[in-house]
Protein backbone atom coordinates (compact mmCIF):
# COMPACT_ATOMS: atom_id res chain seq x y z
CA UNK A 1 0.53 5.39 11.78
CA UNK A 2 -0.41 2.20 13.50
CA UNK A 3 1.12 -0.95 14.84
CA UNK A 4 0.10 -3.85 12.67
CA UNK A 5 0.78 -7.52 12.69
CA UNK A 6 3.75 -9.66 12.04
CA UNK A 7 6.18 -10.27 9.28
CA UNK A 8 9.47 -11.90 8.73
CA UNK A 9 12.51 -11.82 6.74
CA UNK A 10 15.34 -13.56 5.21
CA UNK A 11 15.89 -15.50 2.05
CA UNK A 12 19.00 -17.41 1.14
CA UNK A 13 19.82 -15.55 -2.05
CA UNK A 14 23.54 -15.84 -2.59
CA UNK A 15 25.27 -13.04 -4.44
CA UNK A 16 28.86 -12.13 -5.06
CA UNK A 17 28.69 -9.43 -2.41
CA UNK A 18 27.57 -11.52 0.56
CA UNK A 19 28.11 -14.91 2.11
CA UNK A 20 25.31 -17.47 1.86
CA UNK A 21 22.60 -17.27 4.52
CA UNK A 22 22.19 -20.16 6.92
CA UNK A 23 19.44 -22.61 6.14
CA UNK A 24 16.33 -21.95 8.18
CA UNK A 25 13.16 -23.95 8.81
CA UNK A 26 10.44 -23.33 6.24
CA UNK A 27 8.10 -22.23 9.03
CA UNK A 28 10.18 -19.08 9.54
CA UNK A 29 9.72 -17.91 5.93
CA UNK A 30 6.60 -15.76 5.62
CA UNK A 31 3.87 -16.94 3.32
CA UNK A 32 3.18 -14.11 0.88
CA UNK A 33 1.52 -14.09 -2.53
CA UNK A 34 0.32 -11.22 -4.72
CA UNK A 35 -2.28 -11.82 -7.43
CA UNK A 36 -3.13 -9.25 -10.09
CA UNK A 37 -6.79 -9.19 -11.06
CA UNK A 38 -7.65 -10.40 -14.56
CA UNK A 39 -10.80 -8.53 -15.54
CA UNK A 40 -11.37 -10.83 -18.52
CA UNK A 41 -12.32 -13.55 -16.04
CA UNK A 42 -15.10 -13.59 -13.47
CA UNK A 43 -18.59 -12.16 -13.85
CA UNK A 44 -19.42 -8.64 -14.98
CA UNK A 45 -22.70 -6.82 -14.33
CA UNK A 46 -22.72 -3.76 -16.55
CA UNK A 47 -18.93 -3.63 -16.85
CA UNK A 48 -16.64 -4.05 -19.81
CA UNK A 49 -13.14 -5.50 -19.63
CA UNK A 50 -10.38 -4.42 -21.95
CA UNK A 51 -7.78 -1.94 -20.87
CA UNK A 52 -8.86 -2.45 -17.27
CA UNK A 53 -12.46 -2.50 -16.10
CA UNK A 54 -14.97 0.19 -17.10
CA UNK A 55 -18.58 1.13 -16.42
CA UNK A 56 -20.63 0.21 -19.54
CA UNK A 57 -24.23 0.36 -18.35
CA UNK A 58 -26.14 0.42 -15.08
CA UNK A 59 -26.86 -2.93 -13.48
CA UNK A 60 -29.08 -1.29 -10.87
CA UNK A 61 -29.35 1.61 -8.43
CA UNK A 62 -28.64 2.00 -4.73
CA UNK A 63 -28.85 4.75 -2.14
CA UNK A 64 -25.80 5.58 -0.06
CA UNK A 65 -25.70 7.72 3.06
CA UNK A 66 -22.68 9.30 4.71
CA UNK A 67 -21.81 12.63 6.29
CA UNK A 68 -22.31 14.31 2.90
CA UNK A 69 -25.93 13.19 2.76
CA UNK A 70 -28.02 10.57 1.02
CA UNK A 71 -27.71 10.12 -2.74
CA UNK A 72 -28.89 7.65 -5.34
CA UNK A 73 -26.25 6.01 -7.51
CA UNK A 74 -26.34 3.62 -10.43
CA UNK A 75 -23.73 0.90 -10.37
CA UNK A 76 -21.87 -1.68 -12.43
CA UNK A 77 -20.03 -4.55 -10.78
CA UNK A 78 -17.33 -7.11 -11.43
CA UNK A 79 -16.91 -10.23 -9.29
CA UNK A 80 -13.65 -12.06 -9.77
CA UNK A 81 -13.32 -15.83 -9.73
CA UNK A 82 -12.30 -17.56 -6.55
CA UNK A 83 -8.51 -17.78 -6.30
CA UNK A 84 -6.57 -20.23 -4.19
CA UNK A 85 -3.93 -18.68 -1.95
CA UNK A 86 -1.73 -21.77 -1.70
CA UNK A 87 -1.19 -21.65 2.06
CA UNK A 88 -3.17 -20.82 5.20
CA UNK A 89 -3.26 -17.01 5.12
CA UNK A 90 -4.08 -14.79 8.07
CA UNK A 91 -4.25 -11.39 6.34
CA UNK A 92 -5.34 -9.95 3.02
CA UNK A 93 -4.86 -6.47 1.54
CA UNK A 94 -6.41 -5.30 -1.73
CA UNK A 95 -5.03 -2.34 -3.70
CA UNK A 96 -5.97 -0.66 -6.97
CA UNK A 97 -5.49 2.21 -9.39
CA UNK A 98 -8.55 3.80 -10.92
CA UNK A 99 -9.87 6.82 -12.78
CA UNK A 100 -13.01 7.92 -10.93
CA UNK A 101 -13.92 11.44 -12.09
CA UNK A 102 -16.30 13.79 -10.31
CA UNK A 103 -19.69 12.12 -9.97
CA UNK A 104 -18.32 8.60 -9.52
CA UNK A 105 -16.56 6.37 -6.99
CA UNK A 106 -15.39 2.83 -6.35
CA UNK A 107 -15.98 0.26 -3.62
CA UNK A 108 -13.57 -2.67 -3.15
CA UNK A 109 -14.73 -5.82 -1.37
CA UNK A 110 -13.44 -9.31 -0.68
CA UNK A 111 -14.72 -12.54 0.75
CA UNK A 112 -12.60 -15.51 1.71
CA UNK A 113 -12.81 -19.25 2.00
CA UNK A 114 -11.95 -20.98 5.25
CA UNK A 115 -12.78 -24.36 6.80
CA UNK A 116 -16.39 -23.25 7.22
CA UNK A 117 -16.82 -22.28 3.55
CA UNK A 118 -17.14 -18.85 1.93
CA UNK A 119 -17.56 -15.87 4.23
CA UNK A 120 -19.70 -12.80 3.65
CA UNK A 121 -18.34 -9.85 1.68
CA UNK A 122 -16.19 -7.33 3.55
CA UNK A 123 -15.76 -3.75 2.31
CA UNK A 124 -12.06 -2.87 2.11
CA UNK A 125 -12.42 0.72 0.98
CA UNK A 126 -14.57 3.36 -0.68
CA UNK A 127 -12.36 5.32 -3.01
CA UNK A 128 -12.95 8.70 -4.58
CA UNK A 129 -10.36 11.14 -5.80
CA UNK A 130 -12.77 14.04 -6.18
CA UNK A 131 -14.54 15.53 -3.17
CA UNK A 132 -18.20 16.19 -2.54
CA UNK A 133 -19.68 12.94 -3.89
CA UNK A 134 -18.91 10.43 -1.11
CA UNK A 135 -16.45 10.34 1.74
CA UNK A 136 -13.20 8.56 0.86
CA UNK A 137 -13.11 6.05 3.66
CA UNK A 138 -12.32 2.66 5.08
CA UNK A 139 -15.34 0.91 6.60
CA UNK A 140 -15.07 0.27 10.35
CA UNK A 141 -17.20 -2.07 12.42
CA UNK A 142 -16.83 -5.16 10.26
CA UNK A 143 -16.08 -8.19 12.37
CA UNK A 144 -17.58 -11.64 12.89
CA UNK A 145 -16.58 -15.22 13.63
CA UNK A 146 -14.62 -15.45 10.36
CA UNK A 147 -12.66 -12.20 10.09
CA UNK A 148 -12.47 -8.50 10.85
CA UNK A 149 -11.40 -5.44 8.88
CA UNK A 150 -8.58 -3.41 10.45
CA UNK A 151 -8.63 -0.18 8.40
CA UNK A 152 -7.31 -1.59 5.07
CA UNK A 153 -6.49 -5.17 6.12
CA UNK A 154 -8.79 -8.19 6.28
CA UNK A 155 -7.63 -10.24 9.28
CA UNK A 156 -8.73 -13.86 9.69
CA UNK A 157 -10.24 -14.87 13.02
CA UNK A 158 -8.19 -17.21 15.21
CA UNK A 159 -8.43 -20.76 13.94
CA UNK A 160 -9.99 -19.74 10.62
CA UNK A 161 -7.16 -19.03 8.18
CA UNK A 162 -7.95 -18.16 4.58
CA UNK A 163 -7.37 -20.70 1.81
CA UNK A 164 -8.87 -18.64 -1.02
CA UNK A 165 -10.69 -15.42 -1.79
CA UNK A 166 -12.85 -13.50 -4.24
CA UNK A 167 -12.48 -9.84 -5.13
CA UNK A 168 -15.47 -7.64 -6.01
CA UNK A 169 -15.28 -4.15 -7.49
CA UNK A 170 -18.35 -1.93 -7.76
CA UNK A 171 -18.29 1.26 -9.83
CA UNK A 172 -20.83 3.97 -9.02
CA UNK A 173 -21.94 7.06 -10.91
CA UNK A 174 -24.76 9.58 -10.77
CA UNK A 175 -27.85 8.20 -12.57
CA UNK A 176 -27.99 9.03 -16.25
CA UNK A 177 -24.59 10.71 -16.31
CA UNK A 178 -22.02 10.10 -19.00
CA UNK A 179 -19.21 9.66 -16.49
CA UNK A 180 -17.18 6.47 -17.04
CA UNK A 181 -15.34 5.31 -13.92
CA UNK A 182 -12.53 2.95 -14.85
CA UNK A 183 -10.32 0.62 -12.81
CA UNK A 184 -6.91 0.28 -14.44
CA UNK A 185 -5.33 -2.30 -12.11
CA UNK A 186 -6.16 -4.19 -8.96
CA UNK A 187 -4.44 -6.84 -6.92
CA UNK A 188 -4.60 -8.76 -3.67
CA UNK A 189 -1.76 -9.60 -1.31
CA UNK A 190 -2.40 -12.56 1.01
CA UNK A 191 0.02 -13.43 3.77
CA UNK A 192 0.81 -15.49 6.82
CA UNK A 193 3.67 -14.02 8.80
CA UNK A 194 4.99 -16.08 11.70
CA UNK A 195 5.34 -14.29 15.00
CA UNK A 196 8.91 -13.40 15.79
CA UNK A 197 10.61 -10.90 18.07
CA UNK A 198 13.82 -10.60 16.07
CA UNK A 199 14.78 -11.10 12.44
CA UNK A 200 18.26 -12.13 11.28
CA UNK A 201 20.01 -9.98 8.71
CA UNK A 202 19.68 -11.08 5.09
CA UNK A 203 22.43 -11.42 2.48
CA UNK A 204 22.98 -8.93 -0.31
CA UNK A 205 20.75 -8.88 -3.35
CA UNK A 206 22.95 -7.08 -5.86
CA UNK A 207 22.18 -3.43 -5.07
CA UNK A 208 25.04 -2.57 -2.70
CA UNK A 209 26.51 0.75 -3.77
CA UNK A 210 23.41 1.81 -5.74
CA UNK A 211 21.39 4.91 -4.79
CA UNK A 212 18.38 6.29 -6.66
CA UNK A 213 17.92 10.05 -7.09
CA UNK A 214 14.62 10.32 -5.22
CA UNK A 215 13.57 13.88 -4.26
CA UNK A 216 13.64 14.63 -0.54
CA UNK A 217 10.63 15.90 1.36
CA UNK A 218 10.18 16.40 5.10
CA UNK A 219 6.83 15.85 6.78
CA UNK A 220 7.89 18.07 9.68
CA UNK A 221 8.05 21.23 7.58
CA UNK A 222 4.26 20.81 7.36
CA UNK A 223 3.61 20.66 11.11
CA UNK A 224 0.23 22.27 11.81
CA UNK A 225 -0.83 22.52 8.17
CA UNK A 226 -4.47 21.80 7.35
CA UNK A 227 -5.78 20.24 10.58
CA UNK A 228 -8.86 19.02 8.69
CA UNK A 229 -6.53 16.43 7.11
CA UNK A 230 -4.67 15.61 10.31
CA UNK A 231 -2.37 18.61 10.50
CA UNK A 232 0.94 17.64 8.94
CA UNK A 233 4.04 16.63 10.85
CA UNK A 234 4.03 13.13 12.32
CA UNK A 235 0.65 12.37 10.74
CA UNK A 236 1.85 12.83 7.15
CA UNK A 237 4.65 10.29 6.75
CA UNK A 238 2.74 8.17 4.24
CA UNK A 239 1.66 10.90 1.77
CA UNK A 240 5.10 12.52 2.10
CA UNK A 241 6.76 9.23 1.17
CA UNK A 242 4.31 8.67 -1.68
CA UNK A 243 5.03 12.20 -2.93
CA UNK A 244 8.78 11.56 -2.99
CA UNK A 245 8.36 8.45 -5.15
CA UNK A 246 5.95 10.25 -7.48
CA UNK A 247 8.54 13.01 -7.86
CA UNK A 248 11.16 10.41 -8.73
CA UNK A 249 8.91 9.35 -11.63
CA UNK A 250 8.30 13.05 -12.51
CA UNK A 251 4.53 12.99 -11.97
CA UNK A 252 3.92 15.45 -9.15
CA UNK A 253 0.57 17.33 -9.17
CA UNK A 254 0.53 20.46 -11.30
CA UNK A 255 0.53 24.07 -10.10
CA UNK A 256 -3.15 24.16 -10.99
CA UNK A 257 -3.77 21.10 -8.80
CA UNK A 258 -2.05 22.74 -5.85
CA UNK A 259 -3.34 26.29 -6.34
CA UNK A 260 -5.43 26.00 -3.15
CA UNK A 261 -2.32 25.47 -0.97
CA UNK A 262 -0.98 28.43 1.02
CA UNK A 263 1.65 30.10 -1.22
CA UNK A 264 4.05 30.12 1.74
CA UNK A 265 4.07 26.33 1.82
CA UNK A 266 7.52 24.99 0.84
CA UNK A 267 6.25 21.81 -0.86
CA UNK A 268 2.56 22.07 -1.81
CA UNK A 269 2.59 18.63 -3.42
CA UNK A 270 2.82 17.08 0.06
CA UNK A 271 -0.29 18.92 1.28
CA UNK A 272 -2.06 17.85 -1.90
CA UNK A 273 -1.22 14.20 -1.29
CA UNK A 274 -2.36 14.40 2.34
CA UNK A 275 -5.70 15.90 1.34
CA UNK A 276 -6.34 13.24 -1.30
CA UNK A 277 -5.25 10.22 0.75
CA UNK A 278 -7.17 11.21 3.87
CA UNK A 279 -9.38 8.40 5.18
CA UNK A 280 -12.41 9.97 6.88
CA UNK A 281 -13.17 6.92 9.04
CA UNK A 282 -9.57 6.24 10.05
CA UNK A 283 -9.10 10.03 10.41
CA UNK A 284 -5.63 9.91 8.94
CA UNK A 285 -3.53 9.70 5.80
CA UNK A 286 -1.90 6.34 6.50
CA UNK A 287 -4.33 4.06 4.68
CA UNK A 288 -1.93 1.97 2.61
CA UNK A 289 -4.04 1.29 -0.52
CA UNK A 290 -5.31 4.89 -0.55
CA UNK A 291 -1.72 6.05 -1.01
CA UNK A 292 -1.00 3.76 -3.94
CA UNK A 293 -4.40 4.65 -5.44
CA UNK A 294 -3.48 8.33 -5.16
CA UNK A 295 -0.31 7.69 -7.16
CA UNK A 296 -2.50 5.86 -9.67
CA UNK A 297 -4.51 9.05 -10.16
CA UNK A 298 -1.41 10.40 -11.95
CA UNK A 299 -1.03 7.40 -14.25
CA UNK A 300 1.34 5.32 -12.15
CA UNK A 301 0.87 1.67 -11.29
CA UNK A 302 0.90 1.12 -7.54
CA UNK A 303 0.14 -1.70 -5.15
CA UNK A 304 0.66 -2.82 -1.57
CA UNK A 305 2.53 -6.03 -0.83
CA UNK A 306 4.82 -7.61 1.72
CA UNK A 307 8.48 -8.33 1.11
CA UNK A 308 10.31 -11.13 2.89
CA UNK A 309 13.72 -9.48 3.29
CA UNK A 310 16.00 -6.67 2.26
CA UNK A 311 17.40 -9.15 -0.26
CA UNK A 312 14.08 -8.98 -2.09
CA UNK A 313 13.89 -5.22 -1.76
CA UNK A 314 17.33 -4.96 -3.39
CA UNK A 315 15.93 -6.58 -6.53
CA UNK A 316 13.66 -3.56 -6.95
CA UNK A 317 16.35 -0.99 -6.16
CA UNK A 318 18.67 -2.70 -8.65
CA UNK A 319 15.90 -2.31 -11.25
CA UNK A 320 15.61 1.42 -10.46
CA UNK A 321 12.40 1.22 -8.42
CA UNK A 322 12.36 2.89 -4.96
CA UNK A 323 10.27 1.18 -2.28
CA UNK A 324 8.18 2.67 0.53
CA UNK A 325 8.37 0.62 3.74
CA UNK A 326 6.29 0.63 6.93
CA UNK A 327 7.94 0.02 10.31
CA UNK A 328 7.66 0.70 14.05
CA UNK A 329 10.37 0.90 16.70
CA UNK A 330 11.34 2.33 20.06
CA UNK A 331 13.81 5.17 20.30
CA UNK A 332 17.30 3.73 19.98
CA UNK A 333 16.27 0.58 18.09
CA UNK A 334 17.09 2.17 14.73
CA UNK A 335 20.47 3.89 15.19
CA UNK A 336 20.56 7.25 13.48
CA UNK A 337 16.80 7.85 13.59
CA UNK A 338 16.71 9.68 16.90
CA UNK A 339 13.03 8.96 17.53
CA UNK A 340 10.58 6.15 18.20
CA UNK A 341 7.30 5.46 16.43
CA UNK A 342 4.22 3.26 16.59
CA UNK A 343 4.12 3.25 12.80
CA UNK A 344 6.07 5.14 10.17
CA UNK A 345 6.61 5.18 6.40
CA UNK A 346 9.86 6.02 4.63
CA UNK A 347 11.40 5.47 1.19
CA UNK A 348 14.28 3.05 0.68
CA UNK A 349 16.33 4.65 -2.11
CA UNK A 350 19.48 2.52 -2.11
CA UNK A 351 22.24 0.77 -0.23
CA UNK A 352 25.75 1.72 0.79
CA UNK A 353 28.77 -0.19 -0.47
CA UNK A 354 28.61 -2.27 2.73
CA UNK A 355 24.90 -3.05 2.45
CA UNK A 356 23.38 -0.56 4.88
CA UNK A 357 20.06 1.03 3.98
CA UNK A 358 19.87 4.51 2.45
CA UNK A 359 16.42 5.91 3.19
CA UNK A 360 14.60 9.14 2.51
CA UNK A 361 13.07 9.45 5.98
CA UNK A 362 10.37 12.14 6.08
CA UNK A 363 10.62 12.31 9.89
CA UNK A 364 13.42 14.86 9.50
CA UNK A 365 13.55 18.56 10.41
CA UNK A 366 13.93 19.72 6.79
CA UNK A 367 14.37 18.42 3.26
CA UNK A 368 18.16 18.52 3.42
CA UNK A 369 18.16 16.17 6.45
CA UNK A 370 15.84 13.58 4.88
CA UNK A 371 18.61 11.32 3.53
CA UNK A 372 19.60 8.84 6.25
CA UNK A 373 21.79 5.75 6.42
CA UNK A 374 20.45 3.04 8.71
CA UNK A 375 22.32 -0.14 9.75
CA UNK A 376 21.09 -3.05 7.65
CA UNK A 377 20.44 -5.45 10.54
CA UNK A 378 18.57 -2.88 12.64
CA UNK A 379 16.44 -1.66 9.73
CA UNK A 380 15.52 -5.17 8.64
CA UNK A 381 14.58 -6.12 12.19
CA UNK A 382 12.24 -3.20 12.87
CA UNK A 383 10.61 -3.53 9.46
CA UNK A 384 9.96 -7.28 9.45
CA UNK A 385 9.54 -8.42 13.04
CA UNK A 386 6.25 -9.33 14.65
CA UNK A 387 5.65 -6.01 16.42
CA UNK A 388 5.95 -4.07 13.17
CA UNK A 389 4.07 -4.10 9.87
CA UNK A 390 5.53 -7.42 8.80
CA UNK A 391 7.35 -6.15 5.73
CA UNK A 392 4.58 -4.05 4.20
CA UNK A 393 5.77 -2.07 1.18
CA UNK A 394 4.31 0.21 -1.48
CA UNK A 395 5.63 -0.43 -4.97
CA UNK A 396 4.91 2.49 -7.32
CA UNK A 397 6.21 2.67 -10.89
CA UNK A 398 5.15 3.70 -14.41
CA UNK A 399 3.05 1.03 -16.16
CA UNK A 400 5.65 0.73 -18.93
CA UNK A 401 8.47 0.13 -16.48
CA UNK A 402 8.72 -3.66 -15.98
CA UNK A 403 9.51 -5.00 -12.53
CA UNK A 404 12.25 -7.59 -12.05
CA UNK A 405 11.50 -11.26 -11.58
CA UNK A 406 10.43 -12.22 -8.07
CA UNK A 407 12.30 -14.64 -5.82
CA UNK A 408 12.68 -18.05 -7.52
CA UNK A 409 10.99 -20.92 -5.71
CA UNK A 410 8.60 -18.75 -3.71
CA UNK A 411 5.13 -17.38 -4.56
CA UNK A 412 5.30 -14.11 -6.47
CA UNK A 413 4.82 -11.10 -4.19
CA UNK A 414 4.68 -8.47 -6.97
């Protein structure tokens, strides 16, 4: 629920269902690249790499203090090698999936290279699925001459774009315990999105007339629920969207998982997702990597990236993978929505025969009203333009479900 920085759109991908796009200057194409972490590289301190990254032995101990108190933890750490971005990036978002049972947690950090050299390390999130050990939280108050952290996004300072980065993952557990925290996947999306007030519509990408059977869930049926996790309604668009995609892959939380939810609740899985994506520093459920990490708790692969156009998004729909998008708009800018928002998540589930967007929009009065059709040009504009999230998307899918090839000739963004 926030207005973030810029992004842009279109790619000249010619298909049989649309005319070729006009050629545009390279400067208008967003720079985006997504790198998956290779745990077999880099330097491990007490970790073991194999099927992901696991705690093997303690490399040391630290004390950590938050609202839950002060505790001593032993840790193991992996520091990835420096990776070149390939262009001058202005933003970086790390995401991950991990198994961190009770008595353990994970901290994700990054540092970047700019014209002045390597920066200090910035904490991009403290992740715990269980409760009572540490607060699941972003880390506010990190800003200097090189960069600042805006909730889940590392933003380069003006005049100091990023040319490379390192990722560092630290696994914590209670001293002497047999708990084995384990990171299954991690990745980093780096981007440079040119400022732009409007975005031209993109050509078709082969998914016109295809609609995925994604379950429908309304955030508004939860208005006032559990104020300790931001109270449902408008505040729960991200976990509601994440829940819908998890349901599509048939991995909703069990009845045992949701036994604490009021029995009168129509869709307890939404309340469960809100509780377990809540960022105690941000005081909300809209932390992007926390949502994909929550899906990872149920065995799914999930990551945050940026897409350059609806043409690219169609590649995923065509492959049977729904996509969660982040956008902001004033009332009337997205015909058919009937509302305005400073930041909102919804699930793109398909396209009409004429290329308009079919979305499961949780900002609907009930589950039956969640399916919406939004004009392609208007949707693309409010999703990708400079006053919106710049094309941010969650991609969530089973690990055994391969994703399609990315756009030829451009850096891979998934």
